[in-house]
Amino acid sequence: MPRKLAIKSKIERARRFAERLKDELGEQLNTVVLYDWVFGDEKEDFDIELVILTEQRDREVEDIVSKIAGEMEFESNYDTILTPTVRDKDEFKRRIKTGSPLGRELLAEGYVVYDDGFFSWLRRSELAAGQRNA
């Protein structure tokens, strides 16, 4: 049975995952966000839930993400299970504009482990839009 991971350990493992993604995907990778606690799931467990934003989402990108996740799970002797969700950045922007609860919560509460500037730009612009609409 896998041991429980503290939040600090999850962040470190998520960073290593993001580094490996960056090595493989290069400029294709925009953002990696850790979101275990977005919906109040702050328990310490062995699962690390991530949203991966890329320039485009296709079979090749999905395969690379799955391959790296599988390698890291194997290397940890399955003490860590990575659960990545891949979205292209334009799809994510559309979901934010249409009121996606997960998208909004990620912007508000997600822990960014890698960002090429896209996510921080989107956070700032959505915050500004929310203040104008208030």
Protein backbone atom coordinates (compact mmCIF):
# COMPACT_ATOMS: atom_id res chain seq x y z
CA MET A 1 0.00 0.00 0.00
CA PRO A 2 1.49 3.38 -0.96
CA ARG A 3 2.38 5.70 1.87
CA LYS A 4 0.72 9.05 2.30
CA LEU A 5 2.46 12.12 0.92
CA ALA A 6 2.61 15.44 2.68
CA ILE A 7 1.66 18.50 0.63
CA LYS A 8 5.31 19.64 0.52
CA SER A 9 6.34 16.30 -0.95
CA LYS A 10 3.53 16.50 -3.53
CA ILE A 11 4.76 19.91 -4.64
CA GLU A 12 8.33 18.65 -5.02
CA ARG A 13 7.23 15.62 -7.05
CA ALA A 14 4.97 17.80 -9.18
CA ARG A 15 7.95 20.10 -9.89
CA ARG A 16 10.08 17.13 -10.97
CA PHE A 17 7.24 15.99 -13.23
CA ALA A 18 7.01 19.50 -14.73
CA GLU A 19 10.78 19.56 -15.36
CA ARG A 20 10.58 16.27 -17.21
CA LEU A 21 7.60 17.50 -19.22
CA LYS A 22 9.51 20.65 -20.15
CA ASP A 23 12.49 18.54 -21.28
CA GLU A 24 10.23 16.44 -23.51
CA LEU A 25 7.66 18.97 -24.70
CA GLY A 26 9.82 22.10 -24.88
CA GLU A 27 7.90 25.18 -26.03
CA GLN A 28 4.74 23.07 -26.33
CA LEU A 29 4.34 23.16 -22.52
CA ASN A 30 2.61 26.23 -21.06
CA THR A 31 1.63 25.43 -17.48
CA VAL A 32 1.52 22.69 -14.84
CA VAL A 33 -0.91 23.29 -11.96
CA LEU A 34 -1.28 21.12 -8.87
CA TYR A 35 -4.94 21.04 -7.84
CA ASP A 36 -5.41 18.40 -5.14
CA TRP A 37 -6.98 20.88 -2.74
CA VAL A 38 -9.01 22.96 -5.21
CA PHE A 39 -12.27 21.32 -4.14
CA GLY A 40 -11.31 20.99 -0.48
CA ASP A 41 -9.39 17.71 -0.89
CA GLU A 42 -6.46 18.57 1.36
CA LYS A 43 -5.93 15.03 2.56
CA GLU A 44 -2.48 13.57 2.46
CA ASP A 45 -2.49 10.64 0.08
CA PHE A 46 -0.40 9.17 -2.69
CA ASP A 47 -2.28 10.72 -5.62
CA ILE A 48 -1.02 13.92 -7.26
CA GLU A 49 -3.63 15.61 -9.45
CA LEU A 50 -2.35 18.02 -12.08
CA VAL A 51 -3.65 20.08 -14.97
CA ILE A 52 -1.21 20.36 -17.87
CA LEU A 53 -1.78 23.23 -20.33
CA THR A 54 -0.09 22.96 -23.72
CA GLU A 55 -0.04 24.82 -27.02
CA GLN A 56 -2.04 22.01 -28.57
CA ARG A 57 -3.53 18.80 -27.29
CA ASP A 58 -2.99 15.82 -29.53
CA ARG A 59 -2.18 12.13 -29.26
CA GLU A 60 1.59 12.76 -29.23
CA VAL A 61 1.36 15.20 -26.30
CA GLU A 62 -1.00 12.89 -24.39
CA ASP A 63 1.39 9.95 -24.95
CA ILE A 64 4.41 11.91 -23.70
CA VAL A 65 2.55 13.04 -20.57
CA SER A 66 1.34 9.48 -19.87
CA LYS A 67 4.81 8.02 -20.47
CA ILE A 68 6.49 10.41 -18.03
CA ALA A 69 3.76 9.89 -15.42
CA GLY A 70 4.18 6.12 -15.73
CA GLU A 71 7.97 6.33 -15.46
CA MET A 72 7.75 8.46 -12.31
CA GLU A 73 5.20 6.11 -10.75
CA PHE A 74 7.50 3.15 -11.47
CA GLU A 75 10.56 5.01 -10.13
CA SER A 76 8.70 5.72 -6.87
CA ASN A 77 7.77 2.04 -6.60
CA TYR A 78 4.17 3.25 -7.04
CA ASP A 79 4.29 5.32 -3.84
CA THR A 80 3.16 8.21 -6.05
CA ILE A 81 0.34 8.07 -8.57
CA LEU A 82 0.27 11.03 -10.97
CA THR A 83 -3.11 11.98 -12.39
CA PRO A 84 -2.49 14.52 -15.16
CA THR A 85 -5.29 16.13 -17.16
CA VAL A 86 -4.08 17.68 -20.42
CA ARG A 87 -5.82 20.69 -22.00
CA ASP A 88 -4.67 23.04 -24.71
CA LYS A 89 -4.43 26.63 -23.57
CA ASP A 90 -7.14 27.89 -25.95
CA GLU A 91 -9.58 25.22 -24.73
CA PHE A 92 -8.79 26.21 -21.13
CA LYS A 93 -9.39 29.90 -21.91
CA ARG A 94 -12.76 29.02 -23.48
CA ARG A 95 -13.71 27.02 -20.39
CA ILE A 96 -12.84 29.98 -18.15
CA LYS A 97 -14.95 32.32 -20.30
CA THR A 98 -17.94 29.96 -20.12
CA GLY A 99 -17.72 29.68 -16.32
CA SER A 100 -16.06 26.28 -15.81
CA PRO A 101 -15.99 25.63 -12.03
CA LEU A 102 -12.69 23.72 -12.24
CA GLY A 103 -11.10 26.39 -14.41
CA ARG A 104 -12.18 29.19 -12.09
CA GLU A 105 -11.01 27.29 -9.02
CA LEU A 106 -7.66 26.53 -10.66
CA LEU A 107 -7.16 30.23 -11.33
CA ALA A 108 -8.09 31.10 -7.75
CA GLU A 109 -6.53 28.23 -5.80
CA GLY A 110 -4.30 26.09 -8.03
CA TYR A 111 -0.61 25.80 -7.11
CA VAL A 112 1.49 26.59 -10.19
CA VAL A 113 4.57 24.39 -10.43
CA TYR A 114 5.54 25.58 -13.92
CA ASP A 115 4.34 28.50 -16.02
CA ASP A 116 5.69 30.07 -19.20
CA GLY A 117 3.68 33.21 -18.36
CA PHE A 118 0.35 32.12 -19.86
CA PHE A 119 -1.34 31.10 -16.60
CA SER A 120 -0.17 34.15 -14.65
CA TRP A 121 -1.39 36.38 -17.52
CA LEU A 122 -4.77 34.62 -17.51
CA ARG A 123 -5.04 34.93 -13.71
CA ARG A 124 -4.34 38.68 -13.86
CA SER A 125 -6.72 39.30 -16.76
CA GLU A 126 -9.55 37.31 -15.15
CA LEU A 127 -9.00 39.06 -11.82
CA ALA A 128 -9.16 42.43 -13.58
CA ALA A 129 -12.31 41.38 -15.48
CA GLY A 130 -13.92 40.26 -12.21
CA GLN A 131 -13.14 43.60 -10.57
CA ARG A 132 -14.64 45.50 -13.52
CA ASN A 133 -17.81 43.40 -13.32
CA ALA A 134 -18.18 43.77 -9.54
